[in-house]
Each structure stands twice: as C-alpha cells, then as structure tokens.
Amino acid sequence: MKDPKTLVRASIFGTIVLALCCFTPVLVVVLGVVGMSALTGYLDYVLLPALAVFIGLTIYAIRRKRQADACCTPKFNGITK
C-alpha cells in the first residue's frame, strides 16, 4: 500500500474485528447459527496467531506513517517568512 493512512486504517480495523472474535462469543454464535459449531474447538489455533499478526501489522503501519510524516514535513531551520 502506498498510502500509510490506508494501511493504518486497515490494520486497526482487522485488529478490532479479530479482538471481538477472540474475546467475545460473537464468532461462536455465528458458527452455531450457520451449523459449523464443530469448528469452535479450533478457533484458538487460528484467531490468536491472526490477532498477533494484525497487532504487529498495526505497529508497523504506525511506524511507517510516522516516518512518512517526518520525511515530508518541511524544515525551516529557524527561518521565518
């Protein structure tokens, strides 16, 4: 992604969705309604690593955005106009 803001937004959205699925029974209820409740035993093997990946992606995106903001801001070196 060329725009750091888009990467930050996407990673924060993914982190929030995964956190909701990990810490609330939303996904368990959805799987039960759809008829796939047998998969609920395997959710920890998928959701926790995915949450770690999205948290890492969020940290990376924030650092990249800060670097992009720092390199693109004009520096006046004390000269005022």
PDB file of N, CA and C in Angstrom:
ATOM      1  N   MET A   1       0.844  -1.172   0.000  1.00  0.00           N
ATOM      2  CA  MET A   1       0.000   0.000   0.000  1.00  0.00           C
ATOM      3  C   MET A   1       0.887   1.230   0.000  1.00  0.00           C
ATOM      4  N   LYS A   2       0.601   2.114  -0.877  1.00  0.00           N
ATOM      5  CA  LYS A   2       1.432   3.308  -0.976  1.00  0.00           C
ATOM      6  C   LYS A   2       1.035   4.366   0.037  1.00  0.00           C
ATOM      7  N   ASP A   3      -0.235   4.382   0.429  1.00  0.00           N
ATOM      8  CA  ASP A   3      -0.699   5.379   1.376  1.00  0.00           C
ATOM      9  C   ASP A   3      -0.632   4.811   2.792  1.00  0.00           C
ATOM     10  N   PRO A   4       0.207   5.372   3.671  1.00  0.00           N
ATOM     11  CA  PRO A   4       0.322   4.848   5.031  1.00  0.00           C
ATOM     12  C   PRO A   4      -0.975   4.957   5.826  1.00  0.00           C
ATOM     13  N   LYS A   5      -1.798   5.952   5.530  1.00  0.00           N
ATOM     14  CA  LYS A   5      -3.058   6.095   6.262  1.00  0.00           C
ATOM     15  C   LYS A   5      -3.986   4.912   5.988  1.00  0.00           C
ATOM     16  N   THR A   6      -4.018   4.435   4.754  1.00  0.00           N
ATOM     17  CA  THR A   6      -4.858   3.299   4.405  1.00  0.00           C
ATOM     18  C   THR A   6      -4.389   2.038   5.117  1.00  0.00           C
ATOM     19  N   LEU A   7      -3.086   1.855   5.203  1.00  0.00           N
ATOM     20  CA  LEU A   7      -2.534   0.703   5.902  1.00  0.00           C
ATOM     21  C   LEU A   7      -2.864   0.760   7.386  1.00  0.00           C
ATOM     22  N   VAL A   8      -2.784   1.932   7.985  1.00  0.00           N
ATOM     23  CA  VAL A   8      -3.126   2.079   9.407  1.00  0.00           C
ATOM     24  C   VAL A   8      -4.596   1.764   9.626  1.00  0.00           C
ATOM     25  N   ARG A   9      -5.462   2.301   8.781  1.00  0.00           N
ATOM     26  CA  ARG A   9      -6.904   2.054   8.932  1.00  0.00           C
ATOM     27  C   ARG A   9      -7.230   0.581   8.778  1.00  0.00           C
ATOM     28  N   ALA A  10      -6.667  -0.067   7.770  1.00  0.00           N
ATOM     29  CA  ALA A  10      -6.954  -1.483   7.527  1.00  0.00           C
ATOM     30  C   ALA A  10      -6.450  -2.359   8.665  1.00  0.00           C
ATOM     31  N   SER A  11      -5.262  -2.064   9.166  1.00  0.00           N
ATOM     32  CA  SER A  11      -4.715  -2.883  10.241  1.00  0.00           C
ATOM     33  C   SER A  11      -5.475  -2.679  11.545  1.00  0.00           C
ATOM     34  N   ILE A  12      -5.890  -1.460  11.838  1.00  0.00           N
ATOM     35  CA  ILE A  12      -6.674  -1.215  13.053  1.00  0.00           C
ATOM     36  C   ILE A  12      -8.041  -1.880  12.937  1.00  0.00           C
ATOM     37  N   PHE A  13      -8.670  -1.813  11.769  1.00  0.00           N
ATOM     38  CA  PHE A  13      -9.960  -2.473  11.564  1.00  0.00           C
ATOM     39  C   PHE A  13      -9.826  -3.983  11.753  1.00  0.00           C
ATOM     40  N   GLY A  14      -8.802  -4.584  11.174  1.00  0.00           N
ATOM     41  CA  GLY A  14      -8.580  -6.020  11.322  1.00  0.00           C
ATOM     42  C   GLY A  14      -8.307  -6.412  12.760  1.00  0.00           C
ATOM     43  N   THR A  15      -7.547  -5.598  13.471  1.00  0.00           N
ATOM     44  CA  THR A  15      -7.258  -5.879  14.872  1.00  0.00           C
ATOM     45  C   THR A  15      -8.524  -5.821  15.714  1.00  0.00           C
ATOM     46  N   ILE A  16      -9.374  -4.845  15.466  1.00  0.00           N
ATOM     47  CA  ILE A  16     -10.617  -4.719  16.233  1.00  0.00           C
ATOM     48  C   ILE A  16     -11.542  -5.895  15.948  1.00  0.00           C
ATOM     49  N   VAL A  17     -11.685  -6.279  14.691  1.00  0.00           N
ATOM     50  CA  VAL A  17     -12.554  -7.407  14.344  1.00  0.00           C
ATOM     51  C   VAL A  17     -12.037  -8.692  14.975  1.00  0.00           C
ATOM     52  N   LEU A  18     -10.741  -8.937  14.891  1.00  0.00           N
ATOM     53  CA  LEU A  18     -10.178 -10.144  15.488  1.00  0.00           C
ATOM     54  C   LEU A  18     -10.270 -10.122  17.004  1.00  0.00           C
ATOM     55  N   ALA A  19     -10.101  -8.959  17.614  1.00  0.00           N
ATOM     56  CA  ALA A  19     -10.233  -8.874  19.070  1.00  0.00           C
ATOM     57  C   ALA A  19     -11.665  -9.181  19.491  1.00  0.00           C
ATOM     58  N   LEU A  20     -12.642  -8.698  18.733  1.00  0.00           N
ATOM     59  CA  LEU A  20     -14.036  -9.032  19.032  1.00  0.00           C
ATOM     60  C   LEU A  20     -14.291 -10.529  18.909  1.00  0.00           C
ATOM     61  N   CYS A  21     -13.705 -11.135  17.895  1.00  0.00           N
ATOM     62  CA  CYS A  21     -13.896 -12.576  17.718  1.00  0.00           C
ATOM     63  C   CYS A  21     -13.177 -13.384  18.793  1.00  0.00           C
ATOM     64  N   CYS A  22     -12.058 -12.884  19.286  1.00  0.00           N
ATOM     65  CA  CYS A  22     -11.292 -13.609  20.300  1.00  0.00           C
ATOM     66  C   CYS A  22     -11.904 -13.483  21.693  1.00  0.00           C
ATOM     67  N   PHE A  23     -12.331 -12.298  22.055  1.00  0.00           N
ATOM     68  CA  PHE A  23     -12.696 -12.034  23.441  1.00  0.00           C
ATOM     69  C   PHE A  23     -14.197 -12.002  23.696  1.00  0.00           C
ATOM     70  N   THR A  24     -15.011 -12.154  22.680  1.00  0.00           N
ATOM     71  CA  THR A  24     -16.461 -12.229  22.853  1.00  0.00           C
ATOM     72  C   THR A  24     -16.961 -13.466  22.125  1.00  0.00           C
ATOM     73  N   PRO A  25     -18.127 -13.947  22.466  1.00  0.00           N
ATOM     74  CA  PRO A  25     -18.640 -15.154  21.798  1.00  0.00           C
ATOM     75  C   PRO A  25     -19.317 -14.881  20.456  1.00  0.00           C
ATOM     76  N   VAL A  26     -18.975 -13.802  19.797  1.00  0.00           N
ATOM     77  CA  VAL A  26     -19.616 -13.455  18.530  1.00  0.00           C
ATOM     78  C   VAL A  26     -19.401 -14.549  17.489  1.00  0.00           C
ATOM     79  N   LEU A  27     -18.182 -14.970  17.319  1.00  0.00           N
ATOM     80  CA  LEU A  27     -17.873 -15.965  16.289  1.00  0.00           C
ATOM     81  C   LEU A  27     -18.463 -17.326  16.631  1.00  0.00           C
ATOM     82  N   VAL A  28     -18.506 -17.676  17.900  1.00  0.00           N
ATOM     83  CA  VAL A  28     -19.092 -18.942  18.316  1.00  0.00           C
ATOM     84  C   VAL A  28     -20.587 -18.960  18.000  1.00  0.00           C
ATOM     85  N   VAL A  29     -21.267 -17.857  18.267  1.00  0.00           N
ATOM     86  CA  VAL A  29     -22.698 -17.765  17.958  1.00  0.00           C
ATOM     87  C   VAL A  29     -22.918 -17.830  16.457  1.00  0.00           C
ATOM     88  N   VAL A  30     -22.123 -17.126  15.694  1.00  0.00           N
ATOM     89  CA  VAL A  30     -22.272 -17.128  14.235  1.00  0.00           C
ATOM     90  C   VAL A  30     -22.037 -18.528  13.674  1.00  0.00           C
ATOM     91  N   LEU A  31     -20.997 -19.197  14.148  1.00  0.00           N
ATOM     92  CA  LEU A  31     -20.742 -20.559  13.676  1.00  0.00           C
ATOM     93  C   LEU A  31     -21.860 -21.509  14.081  1.00  0.00           C
ATOM     94  N   GLY A  32     -22.443 -21.313  15.250  1.00  0.00           N
ATOM     95  CA  GLY A  32     -23.566 -22.139  15.680  1.00  0.00           C
ATOM     96  C   GLY A  32     -24.794 -21.925  14.827  1.00  0.00           C
ATOM     97  N   VAL A  33     -25.051 -20.680  14.453  1.00  0.00           N
ATOM     98  CA  VAL A  33     -26.209 -20.376  13.616  1.00  0.00           C
ATOM     99  C   VAL A  33     -26.035 -20.964  12.217  1.00  0.00           C
ATOM    100  N   VAL A  34     -24.830 -20.913  11.701  1.00  0.00           N
ATOM    101  CA  VAL A  34     -24.563 -21.403  10.352  1.00  0.00           C
ATOM    102  C   VAL A  34     -24.485 -22.931  10.323  1.00  0.00           C
ATOM    103  N   GLY A  35     -24.328 -23.558  11.476  1.00  0.00           N
ATOM    104  CA  GLY A  35     -24.245 -25.011  11.529  1.00  0.00           C
ATOM    105  C   GLY A  35     -22.838 -25.545  11.511  1.00  0.00           C
ATOM    106  N   MET A  36     -21.875 -24.710  11.799  1.00  0.00           N
ATOM    107  CA  MET A  36     -20.469 -25.125  11.802  1.00  0.00           C
ATOM    108  C   MET A  36     -19.884 -25.048  13.211  1.00  0.00           C
ATOM    109  N   SER A  37     -20.691 -25.357  14.206  1.00  0.00           N
ATOM    110  CA  SER A  37     -20.225 -25.214  15.584  1.00  0.00           C
ATOM    111  C   SER A  37     -19.140 -26.217  15.950  1.00  0.00           C
ATOM    112  N   ALA A  38     -18.922 -27.242  15.142  1.00  0.00           N
ATOM    113  CA  ALA A  38     -17.847 -28.202  15.408  1.00  0.00           C
ATOM    114  C   ALA A  38     -16.476 -27.554  15.264  1.00  0.00           C
ATOM    115  N   LEU A  39     -16.401 -26.433  14.577  1.00  0.00           N
ATOM    116  CA  LEU A  39     -15.117 -25.753  14.369  1.00  0.00           C
ATOM    117  C   LEU A  39     -14.704 -24.866  15.536  1.00  0.00           C
ATOM    118  N   THR A  40     -15.579 -24.686  16.514  1.00  0.00           N
ATOM    119  CA  THR A  40     -15.264 -23.766  17.609  1.00  0.00           C
ATOM    120  C   THR A  40     -14.074 -24.235  18.438  1.00  0.00           C
ATOM    121  N   GLY A  41     -13.783 -25.509  18.446  1.00  0.00           N
ATOM    122  CA  GLY A  41     -12.629 -26.013  19.188  1.00  0.00           C
ATOM    123  C   GLY A  41     -11.299 -25.612  18.570  1.00  0.00           C
ATOM    124  N   TYR A  42     -11.318 -25.270  17.308  1.00  0.00           N
ATOM    125  CA  TYR A  42     -10.085 -24.918  16.597  1.00  0.00           C
ATOM    126  C   TYR A  42      -9.882 -23.410  16.445  1.00  0.00           C
ATOM    127  N   LEU A  43     -10.776 -22.627  16.994  1.00  0.00           N
ATOM    128  CA  LEU A  43     -10.683 -21.178  16.808  1.00  0.00           C
ATOM    129  C   LEU A  43      -9.430 -20.586  17.444  1.00  0.00           C
ATOM    130  N   ASP A  44      -9.009 -21.117  18.582  1.00  0.00           N
ATOM    131  CA  ASP A  44      -7.815 -20.572  19.241  1.00  0.00           C
ATOM    132  C   ASP A  44      -6.565 -20.749  18.396  1.00  0.00           C
ATOM    133  N   TYR A  45      -6.513 -21.816  17.618  1.00  0.00           N
ATOM    134  CA  TYR A  45      -5.337 -22.062  16.783  1.00  0.00           C
ATOM    135  C   TYR A  45      -5.245 -21.083  15.612  1.00  0.00           C
ATOM    136  N   VAL A  46      -6.353 -20.488  15.260  1.00  0.00           N
ATOM    137  CA  VAL A  46      -6.382 -19.560  14.135  1.00  0.00           C
ATOM    138  C   VAL A  46      -6.450 -18.112  14.598  1.00  0.00           C
ATOM    139  N   LEU A  47      -7.324 -17.823  15.561  1.00  0.00           N
ATOM    140  CA  LEU A  47      -7.584 -16.434  15.938  1.00  0.00           C
ATOM    141  C   LEU A  47      -6.426 -15.787  16.699  1.00  0.00           C
ATOM    142  N   LEU A  48      -5.823 -16.497  17.628  1.00  0.00           N
ATOM    143  CA  LEU A  48      -4.739 -15.875  18.409  1.00  0.00           C
ATOM    144  C   LEU A  48      -3.511 -15.541  17.560  1.00  0.00           C
ATOM    145  N   PRO A  49      -3.034 -16.450  16.680  1.00  0.00           N
ATOM    146  CA  PRO A  49      -1.936 -16.035  15.792  1.00  0.00           C
ATOM    147  C   PRO A  49      -2.331 -14.917  14.837  1.00  0.00           C
ATOM    148  N   ALA A  50      -3.571 -14.945  14.347  1.00  0.00           N
ATOM    149  CA  ALA A  50      -4.022 -13.875  13.453  1.00  0.00           C
ATOM    150  C   ALA A  50      -4.078 -12.544  14.197  1.00  0.00           C
ATOM    151  N   LEU A  51      -4.500 -12.566  15.448  1.00  0.00           N
ATOM    152  CA  LEU A  51      -4.514 -11.340  16.254  1.00  0.00           C
ATOM    153  C   LEU A  51      -3.095 -10.817  16.456  1.00  0.00           C
ATOM    154  N   ALA A  52      -2.157 -11.702  16.714  1.00  0.00           N
ATOM    155  CA  ALA A  52      -0.756 -11.282  16.866  1.00  0.00           C
ATOM    156  C   ALA A  52      -0.228 -10.670  15.569  1.00  0.00           C
ATOM    157  N   VAL A  53      -0.585 -11.259  14.435  1.00  0.00           N
ATOM    158  CA  VAL A  53      -0.139 -10.725  13.143  1.00  0.00           C
ATOM    159  C   VAL A  53      -0.734  -9.337  12.910  1.00  0.00           C
ATOM    160  N   PHE A  54      -2.021  -9.155  13.212  1.00  0.00           N
ATOM    161  CA  PHE A  54      -2.645  -7.854  12.989  1.00  0.00           C
ATOM    162  C   PHE A  54      -2.119  -6.795  13.952  1.00  0.00           C
ATOM    163  N   ILE A  55      -1.800  -7.172  15.180  1.00  0.00           N
ATOM    164  CA  ILE A  55      -1.196  -6.208  16.108  1.00  0.00           C
ATOM    165  C   ILE A  55       0.179  -5.800  15.597  1.00  0.00           C
ATOM    166  N   GLY A  56       0.951  -6.763  15.120  1.00  0.00           N
ATOM    167  CA  GLY A  56       2.254  -6.444  14.532  1.00  0.00           C
ATOM    168  C   GLY A  56       2.121  -5.567  13.295  1.00  0.00           C
ATOM    169  N   LEU A  57       1.125  -5.837  12.465  1.00  0.00           N
ATOM    170  CA  LEU A  57       0.879  -5.021  11.282  1.00  0.00           C
ATOM    171  C   LEU A  57       0.481  -3.601  11.664  1.00  0.00           C
ATOM    172  N   THR A  58      -0.295  -3.456  12.722  1.00  0.00           N
ATOM    173  CA  THR A  58      -0.683  -2.128  13.192  1.00  0.00           C
ATOM    174  C   THR A  58       0.531  -1.345  13.675  1.00  0.00           C
ATOM    175  N   ILE A  59       1.402  -1.989  14.429  1.00  0.00           N
ATOM    176  CA  ILE A  59       2.621  -1.321  14.900  1.00  0.00           C
ATOM    177  C   ILE A  59       3.499  -0.910  13.718  1.00  0.00           C
ATOM    178  N   TYR A  60       3.650  -1.805  12.749  1.00  0.00           N
ATOM    179  CA  TYR A  60       4.429  -1.489  11.553  1.00  0.00           C
ATOM    180  C   TYR A  60       3.824  -0.310  10.789  1.00  0.00           C
ATOM    181  N   ALA A  61       2.497  -0.312  10.640  1.00  0.00           N
ATOM    182  CA  ALA A  61       1.826   0.747   9.882  1.00  0.00           C
ATOM    183  C   ALA A  61       1.962   2.099  10.577  1.00  0.00           C
ATOM    184  N   ILE A  62       1.861   2.105  11.893  1.00  0.00           N
ATOM    185  CA  ILE A  62       2.003   3.368  12.628  1.00  0.00           C
ATOM    186  C   ILE A  62       3.422   3.896  12.509  1.00  0.00           C
ATOM    187  N   ARG A  63       4.410   3.013  12.618  1.00  0.00           N
ATOM    188  CA  ARG A  63       5.810   3.454  12.455  1.00  0.00           C
ATOM    189  C   ARG A  63       6.059   3.984  11.044  1.00  0.00           C
ATOM    190  N   ARG A  64       5.515   3.296  10.054  1.00  0.00           N
ATOM    191  CA  ARG A  64       5.695   3.729   8.662  1.00  0.00           C
ATOM    192  C   ARG A  64       5.031   5.084   8.421  1.00  0.00           C
ATOM    193  N   LYS A  65       3.858   5.292   9.011  1.00  0.00           N
ATOM    194  CA  LYS A  65       3.167   6.568   8.860  1.00  0.00           C
ATOM    195  C   LYS A  65       3.953   7.690   9.523  1.00  0.00           C
ATOM    196  N   ARG A  66       4.509   7.419  10.697  1.00  0.00           N
ATOM    197  CA  ARG A  66       5.322   8.439  11.379  1.00  0.00           C
ATOM    198  C   ARG A  66       6.561   8.798  10.567  1.00  0.00           C
ATOM    199  N   GLN A  67       7.196   7.794   9.953  1.00  0.00           N
ATOM    200  CA  GLN A  67       8.361   8.065   9.121  1.00  0.00           C
ATOM    201  C   GLN A  67       7.982   8.871   7.885  1.00  0.00           C
ATOM    202  N   ALA A  68       6.835   8.553   7.302  1.00  0.00           N
ATOM    203  CA  ALA A  68       6.382   9.288   6.118  1.00  0.00           C
ATOM    204  C   ALA A  68       6.037  10.729   6.483  1.00  0.00           C
ATOM    205  N   ASP A  69       5.432  10.926   7.650  1.00  0.00           N
ATOM    206  CA  ASP A  69       5.100  12.277   8.087  1.00  0.00           C
ATOM    207  C   ASP A  69       6.359  13.072   8.422  1.00  0.00           C
ATOM    208  N   ALA A  70       7.361  12.410   8.987  1.00  0.00           N
ATOM    209  CA  ALA A  70       8.585  13.104   9.381  1.00  0.00           C
ATOM    210  C   ALA A  70       9.423  13.503   8.173  1.00  0.00           C
ATOM    211  N   CYS A  71       9.436  12.668   7.141  1.00  0.00           N
ATOM    212  CA  CYS A  71      10.287  12.989   5.995  1.00  0.00           C
ATOM    213  C   CYS A  71       9.629  14.003   5.065  1.00  0.00           C
ATOM    214  N   CYS A  72       8.326  14.138   5.145  1.00  0.00           N
ATOM    215  CA  CYS A  72       7.630  15.018   4.208  1.00  0.00           C
ATOM    216  C   CYS A  72       7.296  16.386   4.788  1.00  0.00           C
ATOM    217  N   THR A  73       7.539  16.583   6.063  1.00  0.00           N
ATOM    218  CA  THR A  73       7.253  17.889   6.652  1.00  0.00           C
ATOM    219  C   THR A  73       8.421  18.821   6.356  1.00  0.00           C
ATOM    220  N   PRO A  74       8.134  20.028   5.941  1.00  0.00           N
ATOM    221  CA  PRO A  74       9.227  20.961   5.635  1.00  0.00           C
ATOM    222  C   PRO A  74       9.927  21.424   6.907  1.00  0.00           C
ATOM    223  N   LYS A  75      11.229  21.537   6.819  1.00  0.00           N
ATOM    224  CA  LYS A  75      12.025  22.025   7.943  1.00  0.00           C
ATOM    225  C   LYS A  75      12.552  23.401   7.587  1.00  0.00           C
ATOM    226  N   PHE A  76      12.289  24.358   8.467  1.00  0.00           N
ATOM    227  CA  PHE A  76      12.652  25.730   8.155  1.00  0.00           C
ATOM    228  C   PHE A  76      13.960  26.171   8.792  1.00  0.00           C
ATOM    229  N   ASN A  77      14.503  25.402   9.709  1.00  0.00           N
ATOM    230  CA  ASN A  77      15.774  25.707  10.364  1.00  0.00           C
ATOM    231  C   ASN A  77      15.773  27.111  10.990  1.00  0.00           C
ATOM    232  N   GLY A  78      14.667  27.488  11.533  1.00  0.00           N
ATOM    233  CA  GLY A  78      14.594  28.762  12.227  1.00  0.00           C
ATOM    234  C   GLY A  78      14.335  29.939  11.316  1.00  0.00           C
ATOM    235  N   ILE A  79      14.198  29.752  10.037  1.00  0.00           N
ATOM    236  CA  ILE A  79      13.946  30.846   9.115  1.00  0.00           C
ATOM    237  C   ILE A  79      12.439  31.057   9.018  1.00  0.00           C
ATOM    238  N   THR A  80      12.026  32.256   9.272  1.00  0.00           N
ATOM    239  CA  THR A  80      10.598  32.580   9.168  1.00  0.00           C
ATOM    240  C   THR A  80      10.383  33.540   8.020  1.00  0.00           C
ATOM    241  N   LYS A  81       9.238  33.430   7.419  1.00  0.00           N
ATOM    242  CA  LYS A  81       8.939  34.323   6.300  1.00  0.00           C
ATOM    243  C   LYS A  81       7.842  35.270   6.677  1.00  0.00           C
TER     244      LYS A  81
END
